[in-house]
Amino acid sequence: MSISHLSQSVFLQFQRLRPAMPARCRGLGDNAGAALVELALMLSLLGVPLLLGTTYFAVLLLDNVEVSNAAHAGAMYGMTSSTFAEDSAGIIAAARAETSRFGSNLSVTPSVYYACSNALGGTQYTTQAAANAACTGGSSYALQFVQVLVSASVTPPGKFPGFPKTFILKSVSIMQVEE
């Protein structure tokens, strides 16, 4: 069978089916709005819960950033000098001034500790005298650190099954005190 004979055969088949095509296409006109209805149903079943879930977790993320910033601000205040590191009221005020979203739900706990310069992740000492006694050797000396722990009780908007009504967000910031 040659190509011209094949194309002629296809053309004849098309000519024979052509009168029935408009009748078949007329039936499609009744389903024109079905896609729009399906889209509306899918958006209401999937889109709205997805949007609400995204908003829920975005609020939690924003609150977590606020708690972290408050801990950092308190540590920044305390790290400026040994005097400020011992000023718990000043550290708490600096942390609370960083965020006003939580009010009395914001808990700030500052503390000071000492560590040897050659073992920063090692033993933590509560007094400088204890650290000086433990940090022996030519290159080892006592360093002072301020640690600020901030926590807040957060109630996000809405309620989702399986999730608690309130979350406790915590952040810790540790900085070396400048001498």
Foldseek 3Di string as FASTA:
>chain_A
DDPVVVVVVVVVVCVVCVVVVVVVVVVVVVCPCVVVVVVVVCCVVPVVVVVVVVQQVVVVVVVLVLQQVLQVQLQVQLQAAVVSLPVPVVSNVRSCVSDVVFPPQKDKDKAKWKAKPVCVVDDTHRDLVVRQVVQDDDRIHIWMKMKMKIKGKDATPDDDPPDDRIDIHIDMDMDTHDD
